[in-house]
Protein backbone atom coordinates (compact mmCIF):
# COMPACT_ATOMS: atom_id res chain seq x y z
CA MET A 1 15.42 12.51 72.55
CA ASN A 2 13.81 11.04 75.66
CA PHE A 3 15.07 7.81 77.21
CA LYS A 4 12.21 5.56 76.05
CA LYS A 5 12.46 6.76 72.44
CA LYS A 6 16.23 6.24 72.47
CA VAL A 7 15.90 2.68 73.81
CA ASP A 8 13.08 1.93 71.34
CA GLN A 9 15.24 3.15 68.46
CA LEU A 10 18.24 1.09 69.63
CA LEU A 11 16.03 -1.98 70.00
CA GLY A 12 14.59 -1.50 66.51
CA ASN A 13 18.09 -1.17 65.03
CA SER A 14 19.24 -4.30 66.88
CA LEU A 15 16.30 -6.36 65.64
CA LYS A 16 17.01 -5.23 62.06
CA LYS A 17 20.49 -6.73 62.42
CA TYR A 18 19.00 -10.03 63.63
CA PRO A 19 15.86 -10.55 61.50
CA LYS A 20 15.17 -14.07 62.84
CA LEU A 21 14.33 -12.45 66.21
CA PHE A 22 11.15 -10.48 66.84
CA LEU A 23 9.72 -8.42 69.66
CA ILE A 24 7.00 -9.77 71.94
CA SER A 25 6.98 -6.97 74.50
CA PHE A 26 9.00 -3.95 75.55
CA SER A 27 8.55 -1.74 78.60
CA ILE A 28 10.45 0.71 80.74
CA SER A 29 9.39 1.20 84.35
CA ILE A 30 9.42 4.49 86.24
CA ASP A 31 12.84 3.63 87.68
CA ASN A 32 14.26 2.94 84.16
CA LYS A 33 14.18 -0.84 84.28
CA ILE A 34 14.12 -1.93 80.65
CA LYS A 35 12.32 -5.23 80.04
CA ILE A 36 12.41 -6.82 76.61
CA ILE A 37 10.84 -10.16 75.70
CA LEU A 38 11.83 -11.73 72.38
CA ASP A 39 10.88 -14.69 70.26
CA GLY A 40 12.60 -16.05 67.20
CA ASP A 41 11.77 -18.04 64.10
CA ASN A 42 14.12 -20.73 65.45
CA GLY A 43 13.73 -19.92 69.14
CA VAL A 44 15.83 -17.57 71.26
CA SER A 45 19.15 -18.54 72.79
CA ILE A 46 20.82 -17.03 75.83
CA ASN A 47 23.42 -15.67 73.43
CA ASP A 48 20.67 -13.90 71.44
CA CYS A 49 19.48 -12.20 74.63
CA ILE A 50 23.03 -11.16 75.53
CA ILE A 51 23.65 -9.74 72.05
CA ILE A 52 20.47 -7.62 72.07
CA SER A 53 21.12 -6.49 75.64
CA ARG A 54 24.66 -5.37 74.79
CA GLU A 55 23.55 -3.68 71.57
CA ILE A 56 21.31 -1.44 73.66
CA GLU A 57 23.43 -1.09 76.79
CA ASN A 58 26.60 -0.15 74.91
CA ASN A 59 24.78 2.73 73.21
CA LEU A 60 23.33 4.29 76.35
CA ASP A 61 25.22 6.60 78.69
CA ARG A 62 24.84 5.69 82.36
CA ASP A 63 25.85 9.26 83.24
CA ASP A 64 22.65 10.46 81.55
CA HIS A 65 20.33 7.72 82.82
CA ASP A 66 20.67 5.10 85.53
CA PHE A 67 19.03 1.96 84.16
CA ALA A 68 18.81 -1.81 84.35
CA ILE A 69 18.12 -4.03 81.36
CA GLU A 70 16.56 -7.48 81.17
CA VAL A 71 16.25 -9.32 77.85
CA SER A 72 14.55 -12.72 77.86
CA SER A 73 12.71 -15.15 75.63
CA VAL A 74 8.96 -15.61 75.62
CA GLY A 75 7.65 -18.35 77.90
CA ALA A 76 6.69 -21.68 76.34
CA GLU A 77 3.06 -21.39 77.49
CA ASP A 78 2.60 -17.63 77.04
CA PRO A 79 -0.20 -16.57 74.66
CA PHE A 80 0.83 -15.70 71.12
CA VAL A 81 1.06 -12.01 70.24
CA ASP A 82 2.67 -12.17 66.80
CA ARG A 83 1.66 -14.10 63.67
CA ARG A 84 5.23 -15.35 63.31
CA GLN A 85 4.67 -17.40 66.46
CA TYR A 86 2.05 -19.49 64.68
CA LYS A 87 4.34 -20.33 61.78
CA LYS A 88 7.15 -21.46 64.07
CA ASN A 89 4.76 -23.71 66.02
CA ILE A 90 3.27 -25.69 63.13
CA ASN A 91 2.73 -29.35 64.14
CA ARG A 92 2.47 -28.48 67.85
CA ILE A 93 -0.67 -28.77 69.96
CA LEU A 94 -2.41 -25.45 70.60
CA SER A 95 -5.24 -24.26 72.74
CA VAL A 96 -7.15 -21.61 70.78
CA THR A 97 -10.05 -19.50 72.02
CA ASP A 98 -12.08 -17.59 69.45
CA LEU A 99 -13.95 -14.30 69.97
CA ASP A 100 -17.15 -16.21 70.83
CA LYS A 101 -15.21 -17.97 73.66
CA ASN A 102 -15.26 -21.33 71.83
CA LYS A 103 -12.17 -23.36 72.73
CA PHE A 104 -10.32 -25.64 70.35
CA LYS A 105 -7.41 -27.88 71.28
CA GLY A 106 -5.59 -29.46 68.39
CA LYS A 107 -2.56 -29.69 66.17
CA LEU A 108 -1.63 -26.55 64.27
CA VAL A 109 -1.54 -27.86 60.70
CA SER A 110 -0.88 -24.62 58.83
CA ALA A 111 -0.52 -20.88 59.27
CA ASN A 112 -0.32 -18.21 56.60
CA GLU A 113 -0.68 -14.43 56.58
CA VAL A 114 -4.46 -14.56 57.09
CA GLU A 115 -5.47 -17.70 58.96
CA ILE A 116 -4.54 -20.89 60.79
CA LEU A 117 -5.83 -24.45 60.52
CA ILE A 118 -6.03 -26.70 63.56
CA GLN A 119 -7.06 -30.38 63.64
CA TRP A 120 -8.05 -32.75 66.42
CA LYS A 121 -9.57 -36.19 66.89
CA GLN A 122 -13.05 -36.49 68.34
CA ARG A 123 -15.10 -39.55 69.33
CA GLU A 124 -18.65 -39.50 67.98
CA PRO A 125 -21.55 -41.99 68.06
CA LYS A 126 -21.82 -44.26 65.04
CA LEU A 127 -24.62 -43.42 62.62
CA ILE A 128 -25.66 -47.07 62.56
CA GLY A 129 -25.29 -49.40 65.51
CA ASN A 130 -23.78 -48.92 68.93
CA GLY A 131 -20.41 -47.51 69.89
CA LYS A 132 -18.33 -44.61 68.73
CA ILE A 133 -15.94 -43.82 65.94
CA THR A 134 -13.01 -41.43 65.86
CA LYS A 135 -13.32 -38.56 63.41
CA ILE A 136 -10.76 -35.95 62.43
CA LYS A 137 -12.17 -32.46 62.93
CA SER A 138 -10.62 -29.20 61.80
CA LYS A 139 -11.19 -25.50 62.22
CA LEU A 140 -9.96 -22.69 60.00
CA LEU A 141 -9.60 -19.45 61.97
CA GLU A 142 -8.62 -16.02 60.74
CA TYR A 143 -6.26 -14.16 63.08
CA SER A 144 -8.97 -11.54 63.62
CA GLU A 145 -11.20 -14.29 65.09
CA ILE A 146 -8.63 -15.46 67.66
CA LEU A 147 -8.91 -14.16 71.20
CA GLU A 148 -6.05 -16.26 72.58
CA ALA A 149 -3.76 -19.04 71.40
CA LYS A 150 -0.95 -20.83 73.16
CA VAL A 151 1.07 -24.00 72.97
CA ILE A 152 0.00 -26.89 75.19
CA ILE A 153 2.99 -28.51 76.89
CA ASN A 154 2.32 -32.11 77.91
CA PHE A 155 4.45 -33.62 80.64
């Protein structure tokens, strides 16, 4: 079995042991640097990263392959790549771009297996008289319609 397949199999077995964690990305460079980025239903702790790293490292033979391994959590403002990321971020503010390049910034109200619902407030002119009123707007988007979505962190 080649090195990448072996690491992939070890990673898969490790994630089965810890079902609250899920894979965001996995790569191995030409010089055998293993890079794994994880997310979790309740976040990812340093201890989670250490556990997954050791699960893999302890089952590889350094006499067969010289390697380095880096296991980390997904960045707070990185785009979503897994539907589980939407569910764990309900009630947070997202920036969502659809396939037509329309951008929506609002609170993620719900997420299921097919779609998400985001809501935001928008000022609009009154129908009668001068001034504006605040209206609650919402957009239902299927995952297949989403080009990019990420959490907005306000400082």
